[in-house]
Amino acid sequence: MNLVKVGEKVISLSKISEKVEKILEYRALGLSQQEVAKKMGLDRAFISKLEKMGEVRRGESIAVIGFPIKNKEELTSVLTKYGVNFILLLSEKERLDFVTDISGVELFNKLMDIIAEIKNYDVIIFLGSNKRVKLVESLFDTEVIAIEIGCSPLKEDVYVPPERIIRILDVIKTNREVMT
């Protein structure tokens, strides 16, 4: 056991190493930073800083958010094949359930967690109504690729041609390959 004395404390480096490995294992399994933080009894910001400390090469990480999407399973399959890091696609019913099934405080906290998570990505692809597109573009200081799928308010699920998303992902991927 590798021990270090810090002031009056004795710190176990192996214990820290085990915890860090567990955190990264959870993240590699697809858990969000917030989920890992809750599971490990830590602050989400700690998880983020830990990842940044060990980052060798980031490349362009991509988040895709969209609602109300008719063909979300089809798009999710395409996005997964392209290695998109964060996918949040909702049908109109799921979107309504999301905002009505929890209290105002819970909704606010959940939205803040989602926004905090999305801010970690280099590129955000957003599929939504014209008003929502403007809102998302103003919220984030990272690159936002906006795809308007209709005029506000959208009340029905909208079919988004996968080819449209594939073209965008191909451009991002080409830029990534040029950068490496």
Protein backbone atom coordinates (compact mmCIF):
# COMPACT_ATOMS: atom_id res chain seq x y z
CA MET A 1 0.00 0.00 0.00
CA ASN A 2 1.46 3.33 -1.09
CA LEU A 3 0.87 5.96 1.59
CA VAL A 4 1.51 9.70 1.55
CA LYS A 5 1.44 12.00 4.56
CA VAL A 6 -0.32 15.31 3.93
CA GLY A 7 -0.30 17.45 7.03
CA GLU A 8 -1.97 15.36 9.71
CA LYS A 9 -3.59 13.01 7.18
CA VAL A 10 -2.29 9.77 5.77
CA ILE A 11 -3.50 9.22 2.20
CA SER A 12 -3.68 5.85 0.46
CA LEU A 13 -2.71 6.26 -3.21
CA SER A 14 -4.00 2.79 -4.04
CA LYS A 15 -7.42 3.64 -2.56
CA ILE A 16 -7.57 6.79 -4.70
CA SER A 17 -6.49 4.81 -7.76
CA GLU A 18 -9.23 2.20 -7.19
CA LYS A 19 -11.90 4.92 -6.91
CA VAL A 20 -10.67 6.69 -10.06
CA GLU A 21 -10.70 3.40 -11.98
CA LYS A 22 -14.29 2.76 -10.82
CA ILE A 23 -15.37 6.27 -11.89
CA LEU A 24 -13.84 5.80 -15.35
CA GLU A 25 -15.32 2.31 -15.62
CA TYR A 26 -18.82 3.72 -14.99
CA ARG A 27 -18.23 6.51 -17.55
CA ALA A 28 -16.99 4.00 -20.13
CA LEU A 29 -20.20 2.01 -19.58
CA GLY A 30 -22.16 5.10 -20.64
CA LEU A 31 -23.23 6.59 -17.32
CA SER A 32 -23.38 10.39 -17.29
CA GLN A 33 -21.07 12.40 -15.07
CA GLN A 34 -24.07 13.22 -12.87
CA GLU A 35 -25.02 9.52 -12.53
CA VAL A 36 -21.45 8.55 -11.62
CA ALA A 37 -21.17 11.42 -9.14
CA LYS A 38 -24.38 10.31 -7.41
CA LYS A 39 -23.29 6.66 -7.34
CA MET A 40 -19.88 7.52 -5.90
CA GLY A 41 -21.06 10.29 -3.54
CA LEU A 42 -19.09 12.96 -5.38
CA ASP A 43 -19.73 16.28 -7.09
CA ARG A 44 -20.28 16.16 -10.88
CA ALA A 45 -17.69 18.90 -11.36
CA PHE A 46 -15.07 16.62 -9.76
CA ILE A 47 -15.80 13.93 -12.37
CA SER A 48 -15.45 16.51 -15.15
CA LYS A 49 -12.14 17.84 -13.78
CA LEU A 50 -10.81 14.32 -13.31
CA GLU A 51 -11.55 13.49 -16.96
CA LYS A 52 -9.92 16.73 -18.14
CA MET A 53 -6.78 15.98 -16.07
CA GLY A 54 -6.30 12.64 -17.78
CA GLU A 55 -7.40 13.62 -21.26
CA VAL A 56 -4.82 12.70 -23.89
CA ARG A 57 -6.70 13.83 -26.99
CA ARG A 58 -10.23 15.04 -27.04
CA GLY A 59 -11.14 15.31 -30.67
CA GLU A 60 -14.59 16.60 -31.34
CA SER A 61 -17.16 15.20 -28.98
CA ILE A 62 -20.73 15.41 -30.24
CA ALA A 63 -24.09 15.77 -28.52
CA VAL A 64 -27.37 15.43 -30.42
CA ILE A 65 -30.61 16.72 -28.93
CA GLY A 66 -33.96 16.85 -30.68
CA PHE A 67 -37.71 16.91 -30.19
CA PRO A 68 -40.37 16.02 -31.21
CA ILE A 69 -38.81 13.27 -33.35
CA LYS A 70 -40.92 10.64 -35.13
CA ASN A 71 -38.07 8.29 -36.14
CA LYS A 72 -35.94 8.53 -33.00
CA GLU A 73 -34.98 4.82 -32.99
CA GLU A 74 -33.71 5.07 -36.58
CA LEU A 75 -31.74 8.24 -35.82
CA THR A 76 -30.38 6.81 -32.57
CA SER A 77 -29.05 3.82 -34.51
CA VAL A 78 -27.28 6.10 -37.01
CA LEU A 79 -25.89 8.34 -34.27
CA THR A 80 -24.60 5.35 -32.30
CA LYS A 81 -22.83 3.97 -35.39
CA TYR A 82 -21.12 7.35 -35.83
CA GLY A 83 -19.94 7.31 -32.22
CA VAL A 84 -22.02 10.26 -31.06
CA ASN A 85 -21.26 10.76 -27.37
CA PHE A 86 -24.61 12.07 -26.08
CA ILE A 87 -28.03 11.42 -27.60
CA LEU A 88 -31.29 12.88 -26.33
CA LEU A 89 -34.14 12.45 -28.79
CA LEU A 90 -37.74 12.66 -27.61
CA SER A 91 -41.11 12.11 -29.23
CA GLU A 92 -43.84 14.64 -28.43
CA LYS A 93 -45.38 12.22 -25.92
CA GLU A 94 -42.02 11.68 -24.18
CA ARG A 95 -41.40 15.43 -24.10
CA LEU A 96 -44.81 16.06 -22.51
CA ASP A 97 -44.31 13.20 -20.04
CA PHE A 98 -40.88 14.62 -19.17
CA VAL A 99 -42.31 17.99 -18.13
CA THR A 100 -45.52 16.75 -16.48
CA ASP A 101 -44.34 13.69 -14.54
CA ILE A 102 -42.09 15.60 -12.13
CA SER A 103 -42.35 18.66 -9.89
CA GLY A 104 -41.16 22.08 -10.97
CA VAL A 105 -38.07 21.83 -8.77
CA GLU A 106 -37.20 18.38 -10.11
CA LEU A 107 -37.74 19.60 -13.67
CA PHE A 108 -35.49 22.61 -13.11
CA ASN A 109 -32.75 20.43 -11.58
CA LYS A 110 -33.01 17.86 -14.38
CA LEU A 111 -32.76 20.60 -17.04
CA MET A 112 -29.73 22.11 -15.29
CA ASP A 113 -28.06 18.67 -15.21
CA ILE A 114 -28.73 18.18 -18.93
CA ILE A 115 -27.39 21.65 -19.78
CA ALA A 116 -24.28 21.06 -17.64
CA GLU A 117 -23.70 17.74 -19.40
CA ILE A 118 -24.19 19.17 -22.89
CA LYS A 119 -21.74 22.03 -22.21
CA ASN A 120 -18.97 19.40 -22.11
CA TYR A 121 -19.30 18.64 -25.83
CA ASP A 122 -17.45 20.36 -28.68
CA VAL A 123 -20.34 20.17 -31.13
CA ILE A 124 -24.05 20.21 -30.39
CA ILE A 125 -26.47 19.15 -33.11
CA PHE A 126 -29.93 20.37 -32.25
CA LEU A 127 -33.13 19.34 -34.04
CA GLY A 128 -36.13 21.45 -33.13
CA SER A 129 -38.52 24.24 -33.96
CA ASN A 130 -37.34 27.66 -35.13
CA LYS A 131 -37.80 29.21 -31.65
CA ARG A 132 -36.07 26.35 -29.85
CA VAL A 133 -33.14 26.55 -32.28
CA LYS A 134 -32.57 30.21 -31.40
CA LEU A 135 -32.77 29.42 -27.69
CA VAL A 136 -30.22 26.59 -27.90
CA GLU A 137 -27.85 28.70 -30.00
CA SER A 138 -27.94 31.44 -27.35
CA LEU A 139 -27.44 29.01 -24.43
CA PHE A 140 -24.18 27.40 -25.51
CA ASP A 141 -20.83 28.90 -26.41
CA THR A 142 -19.72 25.76 -28.25
CA GLU A 143 -20.47 25.04 -31.91
CA VAL A 144 -24.21 24.50 -32.40
CA ILE A 145 -25.41 22.97 -35.64
CA ALA A 146 -29.10 23.79 -35.77
CA ILE A 147 -31.58 21.84 -37.84
CA GLU A 148 -34.99 23.46 -37.94
CA ILE A 149 -37.65 20.79 -38.30
CA GLY A 150 -40.63 23.14 -38.28
CA CYS A 151 -42.19 26.30 -36.89
CA SER A 152 -43.09 26.72 -33.23
CA PRO A 153 -45.05 25.34 -31.63
CA LEU A 154 -44.45 21.77 -32.86
CA LYS A 155 -47.20 19.53 -31.53
CA GLU A 156 -46.64 16.44 -33.68
CA ASP A 157 -43.62 14.19 -34.14
CA VAL A 158 -41.49 15.14 -37.15
CA TYR A 159 -39.68 12.68 -39.42
CA VAL A 160 -36.02 13.68 -39.84
CA PRO A 161 -34.30 12.06 -42.83
CA PRO A 162 -31.26 10.14 -41.54
CA GLU A 163 -29.31 11.24 -44.63
CA ARG A 164 -29.52 14.82 -43.40
CA ILE A 165 -27.82 13.86 -40.13
CA ILE A 166 -25.32 11.56 -41.87
CA ARG A 167 -24.14 14.44 -44.12
CA ILE A 168 -23.45 16.59 -41.05
CA LEU A 169 -21.69 13.77 -39.20
CA ASP A 170 -19.57 13.04 -42.29
CA VAL A 171 -18.41 16.68 -42.38
CA ILE A 172 -17.57 16.61 -38.66
CA LYS A 173 -15.76 13.29 -39.07
CA THR A 174 -13.79 14.58 -42.07
CA ASN A 175 -12.72 17.63 -40.06
CA ARG A 176 -11.70 15.34 -37.18
CA GLU A 177 -9.55 13.21 -39.49
CA VAL A 178 -7.86 16.29 -40.93
CA MET A 179 -7.09 17.54 -37.40
CA THR A 180 -5.36 14.30 -36.28
